[in-house]
């Protein structure tokens, strides 16, 4: 959610605007952490199947890198598509 969306809340008292902004910030942080945790869990599950040594071997490292890149590209694309749909819905109102 974008802070520019708070423009619709102009009629609220300043204290409520600040509170709403803080809540939005917390939700964004929570969502970012959830996405990061999902990325780590998925890529680790897909790429690491043994614990032969402390660090990742070359094959595991390559797999994790590709997995993370794909996950992030997918997440960005979904976010862009969501923004496009949101913008289209806003212009129809």
N, C-alpha and C. Protein backbone atom coordinates (compact mmCIF):
# COMPACT_ATOMS: atom_id res chain seq x y z
N UNK A 1 0.85 -1.18 0.00
CA UNK A 1 0.00 0.00 0.00
C UNK A 1 0.89 1.23 0.00
N UNK A 2 0.49 2.23 -0.70
CA UNK A 2 1.30 3.43 -0.90
C UNK A 2 0.78 4.55 -0.01
N UNK A 3 1.70 5.37 0.51
CA UNK A 3 1.29 6.48 1.36
C UNK A 3 0.47 7.51 0.59
N UNK A 4 0.59 7.53 -0.74
CA UNK A 4 -0.21 8.47 -1.52
C UNK A 4 -1.69 8.11 -1.43
N UNK A 5 -1.98 6.88 -1.05
CA UNK A 5 -3.37 6.47 -0.88
C UNK A 5 -4.00 7.16 0.33
N UNK A 6 -3.17 7.73 1.18
CA UNK A 6 -3.69 8.45 2.34
C UNK A 6 -4.37 9.74 1.94
N UNK A 7 -4.24 10.14 0.68
CA UNK A 7 -4.89 11.35 0.21
C UNK A 7 -6.39 11.31 0.40
N UNK A 8 -6.98 10.14 0.36
CA UNK A 8 -8.41 9.99 0.57
C UNK A 8 -8.79 10.21 2.03
N UNK A 9 -7.82 10.28 2.88
CA UNK A 9 -8.08 10.41 4.30
C UNK A 9 -7.90 11.84 4.80
N UNK A 10 -7.94 12.79 3.88
CA UNK A 10 -7.70 14.19 4.23
C UNK A 10 -8.67 14.72 5.28
N UNK A 11 -9.84 14.14 5.34
CA UNK A 11 -10.84 14.63 6.29
C UNK A 11 -10.56 14.18 7.72
N UNK A 12 -9.63 13.26 7.89
CA UNK A 12 -9.31 12.78 9.23
C UNK A 12 -8.43 13.77 9.98
N UNK A 13 -8.52 13.75 11.30
CA UNK A 13 -7.61 14.59 12.11
C UNK A 13 -6.16 14.13 11.90
N UNK A 14 -5.23 15.03 12.10
CA UNK A 14 -3.81 14.75 11.87
C UNK A 14 -3.33 13.55 12.68
N UNK A 15 -3.77 13.43 13.89
CA UNK A 15 -3.36 12.31 14.75
C UNK A 15 -3.78 10.97 14.13
N UNK A 16 -4.97 10.91 13.56
CA UNK A 16 -5.43 9.67 12.92
C UNK A 16 -4.65 9.38 11.64
N UNK A 17 -4.29 10.43 10.90
CA UNK A 17 -3.48 10.24 9.70
C UNK A 17 -2.13 9.63 10.06
N UNK A 18 -1.52 10.15 11.12
CA UNK A 18 -0.22 9.64 11.57
C UNK A 18 -0.36 8.18 11.99
N UNK A 19 -1.41 7.88 12.72
CA UNK A 19 -1.65 6.50 13.16
C UNK A 19 -1.87 5.57 11.97
N UNK A 20 -2.64 6.01 10.99
CA UNK A 20 -2.89 5.20 9.79
C UNK A 20 -1.59 4.98 9.01
N UNK A 21 -0.79 6.02 8.90
CA UNK A 21 0.49 5.91 8.21
C UNK A 21 1.40 4.90 8.91
N UNK A 22 1.43 4.94 10.23
CA UNK A 22 2.24 3.98 11.00
C UNK A 22 1.73 2.56 10.80
N UNK A 23 0.42 2.39 10.77
CA UNK A 23 -0.15 1.06 10.55
C UNK A 23 0.21 0.53 9.16
N UNK A 24 0.15 1.40 8.17
CA UNK A 24 0.51 1.01 6.80
C UNK A 24 1.98 0.61 6.74
N UNK A 25 2.84 1.38 7.40
CA UNK A 25 4.27 1.04 7.45
C UNK A 25 4.48 -0.33 8.08
N UNK A 26 3.79 -0.61 9.17
CA UNK A 26 3.92 -1.91 9.83
C UNK A 26 3.45 -3.04 8.92
N UNK A 27 2.35 -2.83 8.21
CA UNK A 27 1.85 -3.85 7.29
C UNK A 27 2.84 -4.10 6.16
N UNK A 28 3.45 -3.03 5.65
CA UNK A 28 4.44 -3.20 4.58
C UNK A 28 5.67 -3.96 5.08
N UNK A 29 6.11 -3.68 6.28
CA UNK A 29 7.25 -4.39 6.85
C UNK A 29 6.89 -5.86 7.04
N UNK A 30 5.71 -6.12 7.58
CA UNK A 30 5.27 -7.50 7.79
C UNK A 30 5.21 -8.26 6.47
N UNK A 31 4.65 -7.61 5.45
CA UNK A 31 4.56 -8.26 4.14
C UNK A 31 5.94 -8.52 3.53
N UNK A 32 6.86 -7.59 3.71
CA UNK A 32 8.22 -7.78 3.21
C UNK A 32 8.90 -8.95 3.91
N UNK A 33 8.74 -9.03 5.22
CA UNK A 33 9.33 -10.14 5.97
C UNK A 33 8.70 -11.47 5.59
N UNK A 34 7.40 -11.46 5.37
CA UNK A 34 6.71 -12.68 4.95
C UNK A 34 7.22 -13.13 3.58
N UNK A 35 7.41 -12.18 2.66
CA UNK A 35 7.92 -12.53 1.34
C UNK A 35 9.35 -13.07 1.44
N UNK A 36 10.18 -12.44 2.25
CA UNK A 36 11.57 -12.88 2.43
C UNK A 36 11.61 -14.29 3.03
N UNK A 37 10.80 -14.52 4.05
CA UNK A 37 10.77 -15.83 4.68
C UNK A 37 10.30 -16.90 3.71
N UNK A 38 9.31 -16.57 2.90
CA UNK A 38 8.82 -17.51 1.89
C UNK A 38 9.90 -17.83 0.88
N UNK A 39 10.63 -16.81 0.45
CA UNK A 39 11.74 -16.99 -0.49
C UNK A 39 12.80 -17.93 0.09
N UNK A 40 13.21 -17.67 1.32
CA UNK A 40 14.25 -18.48 1.95
C UNK A 40 13.78 -19.92 2.10
N UNK A 41 12.58 -20.10 2.59
CA UNK A 41 12.05 -21.45 2.80
C UNK A 41 11.95 -22.23 1.50
N UNK A 42 11.40 -21.59 0.48
CA UNK A 42 11.22 -22.28 -0.81
C UNK A 42 12.56 -22.64 -1.43
N UNK A 43 13.46 -21.67 -1.52
CA UNK A 43 14.74 -21.93 -2.18
C UNK A 43 15.58 -22.93 -1.39
N UNK A 44 15.55 -22.85 -0.07
CA UNK A 44 16.30 -23.81 0.73
C UNK A 44 15.74 -25.22 0.51
N UNK A 45 14.41 -25.35 0.54
CA UNK A 45 13.78 -26.67 0.34
C UNK A 45 14.09 -27.23 -1.03
N UNK A 46 14.08 -26.37 -2.05
CA UNK A 46 14.32 -26.83 -3.42
C UNK A 46 15.78 -27.13 -3.71
N UNK A 47 16.69 -26.44 -3.06
CA UNK A 47 18.10 -26.49 -3.46
C UNK A 47 19.02 -27.24 -2.51
N UNK A 48 18.66 -27.35 -1.27
CA UNK A 48 19.56 -27.98 -0.30
C UNK A 48 18.91 -29.28 0.19
N UNK A 49 19.55 -30.39 -0.13
CA UNK A 49 18.97 -31.66 0.27
C UNK A 49 19.86 -32.48 1.21
N UNK A 50 21.08 -32.06 1.38
CA UNK A 50 21.97 -32.73 2.33
C UNK A 50 22.75 -31.67 3.10
N UNK A 51 23.35 -32.10 4.17
CA UNK A 51 24.15 -31.21 4.99
C UNK A 51 25.58 -31.74 5.06
N UNK A 52 26.17 -31.84 3.88
CA UNK A 52 27.53 -32.39 3.77
C UNK A 52 28.56 -31.49 4.42
N UNK A 53 28.36 -30.21 4.32
CA UNK A 53 29.32 -29.26 4.89
C UNK A 53 28.59 -28.00 5.36
N UNK A 54 29.35 -27.16 5.99
CA UNK A 54 28.81 -25.95 6.59
C UNK A 54 28.28 -24.96 5.54
N UNK A 55 29.01 -24.80 4.46
CA UNK A 55 28.62 -23.83 3.43
C UNK A 55 27.99 -24.56 2.24
N UNK A 56 27.32 -23.80 1.40
CA UNK A 56 26.70 -24.37 0.20
C UNK A 56 27.78 -24.78 -0.80
N UNK A 57 27.54 -25.88 -1.48
CA UNK A 57 28.47 -26.22 -2.57
C UNK A 57 28.06 -25.42 -3.81
N UNK A 58 28.87 -25.50 -4.84
CA UNK A 58 28.64 -24.68 -6.04
C UNK A 58 27.26 -24.92 -6.65
N UNK A 59 26.85 -26.16 -6.74
CA UNK A 59 25.55 -26.50 -7.33
C UNK A 59 24.40 -25.92 -6.49
N UNK A 60 24.50 -26.03 -5.17
CA UNK A 60 23.46 -25.49 -4.29
C UNK A 60 23.43 -23.96 -4.39
N UNK A 61 24.60 -23.36 -4.41
CA UNK A 61 24.67 -21.90 -4.50
C UNK A 61 24.04 -21.40 -5.80
N UNK A 62 24.34 -22.06 -6.91
CA UNK A 62 23.75 -21.69 -8.20
C UNK A 62 22.24 -21.85 -8.17
N UNK A 63 21.78 -22.96 -7.59
CA UNK A 63 20.34 -23.22 -7.49
C UNK A 63 19.65 -22.14 -6.66
N UNK A 64 20.24 -21.80 -5.52
CA UNK A 64 19.65 -20.78 -4.64
C UNK A 64 19.60 -19.43 -5.36
N UNK A 65 20.67 -19.07 -6.05
CA UNK A 65 20.71 -17.80 -6.78
C UNK A 65 19.61 -17.75 -7.84
N UNK A 66 19.50 -18.81 -8.63
CA UNK A 66 18.45 -18.85 -9.67
C UNK A 66 17.06 -18.82 -9.06
N UNK A 67 16.88 -19.57 -8.00
CA UNK A 67 15.58 -19.62 -7.33
C UNK A 67 15.19 -18.23 -6.81
N UNK A 68 16.13 -17.56 -6.15
CA UNK A 68 15.86 -16.24 -5.59
C UNK A 68 15.56 -15.24 -6.71
N UNK A 69 16.32 -15.28 -7.79
CA UNK A 69 16.08 -14.36 -8.91
C UNK A 69 14.69 -14.59 -9.50
N UNK A 70 14.35 -15.86 -9.70
CA UNK A 70 13.04 -16.18 -10.28
C UNK A 70 11.91 -15.73 -9.34
N UNK A 71 12.08 -16.00 -8.05
CA UNK A 71 11.07 -15.61 -7.06
C UNK A 71 10.87 -14.10 -7.06
N UNK A 72 11.97 -13.35 -7.05
CA UNK A 72 11.89 -11.89 -7.01
C UNK A 72 11.30 -11.32 -8.30
N UNK A 73 11.69 -11.88 -9.45
CA UNK A 73 11.11 -11.42 -10.72
C UNK A 73 9.62 -11.68 -10.76
N UNK A 74 9.22 -12.86 -10.29
CA UNK A 74 7.81 -13.19 -10.25
C UNK A 74 7.05 -12.23 -9.32
N UNK A 75 7.61 -11.97 -8.15
CA UNK A 75 6.96 -11.07 -7.19
C UNK A 75 6.83 -9.66 -7.76
N UNK A 76 7.87 -9.19 -8.46
CA UNK A 76 7.81 -7.86 -9.06
C UNK A 76 6.74 -7.81 -10.15
N UNK A 77 6.67 -8.86 -10.95
CA UNK A 77 5.68 -8.91 -12.04
C UNK A 77 4.26 -8.93 -11.48
N UNK A 78 4.05 -9.72 -10.43
CA UNK A 78 2.73 -9.76 -9.80
C UNK A 78 2.38 -8.38 -9.23
N UNK A 79 3.36 -7.75 -8.59
CA UNK A 79 3.13 -6.40 -8.05
C UNK A 79 2.80 -5.39 -9.13
N UNK A 80 3.52 -5.45 -10.25
CA UNK A 80 3.24 -4.53 -11.36
C UNK A 80 1.84 -4.78 -11.92
N UNK A 81 1.49 -6.05 -12.08
CA UNK A 81 0.17 -6.40 -12.63
C UNK A 81 -0.93 -5.94 -11.68
N UNK A 82 -0.72 -6.13 -10.40
CA UNK A 82 -1.69 -5.67 -9.41
C UNK A 82 -1.86 -4.15 -9.48
N UNK A 83 -0.74 -3.43 -9.62
CA UNK A 83 -0.81 -1.97 -9.74
C UNK A 83 -1.56 -1.56 -10.99
N UNK A 84 -1.32 -2.26 -12.10
CA UNK A 84 -2.05 -1.97 -13.35
C UNK A 84 -3.54 -2.16 -13.16
N UNK A 85 -3.92 -3.27 -12.54
CA UNK A 85 -5.34 -3.54 -12.31
C UNK A 85 -5.95 -2.52 -11.36
N UNK A 86 -5.19 -2.15 -10.33
CA UNK A 86 -5.65 -1.14 -9.37
C UNK A 86 -5.86 0.21 -10.06
N UNK A 87 -4.91 0.57 -10.93
CA UNK A 87 -5.00 1.83 -11.63
C UNK A 87 -6.19 1.83 -12.58
N UNK A 88 -6.40 0.70 -13.27
CA UNK A 88 -7.55 0.58 -14.17
C UNK A 88 -8.86 0.68 -13.43
N UNK A 89 -8.93 0.09 -12.26
CA UNK A 89 -10.16 0.15 -11.45
C UNK A 89 -10.39 1.57 -10.95
N UNK A 90 -9.30 2.28 -10.62
CA UNK A 90 -9.43 3.64 -10.11
C UNK A 90 -9.91 4.60 -11.21
N UNK A 91 -9.49 4.37 -12.43
CA UNK A 91 -9.90 5.28 -13.52
C UNK A 91 -11.33 5.01 -13.97
N UNK A 92 -11.87 3.83 -13.64
CA UNK A 92 -13.25 3.52 -14.00
C UNK A 92 -14.24 4.16 -13.06
N UNK A 93 -13.80 4.54 -11.87
CA UNK A 93 -14.71 5.15 -10.88
C UNK A 93 -15.12 6.54 -11.25
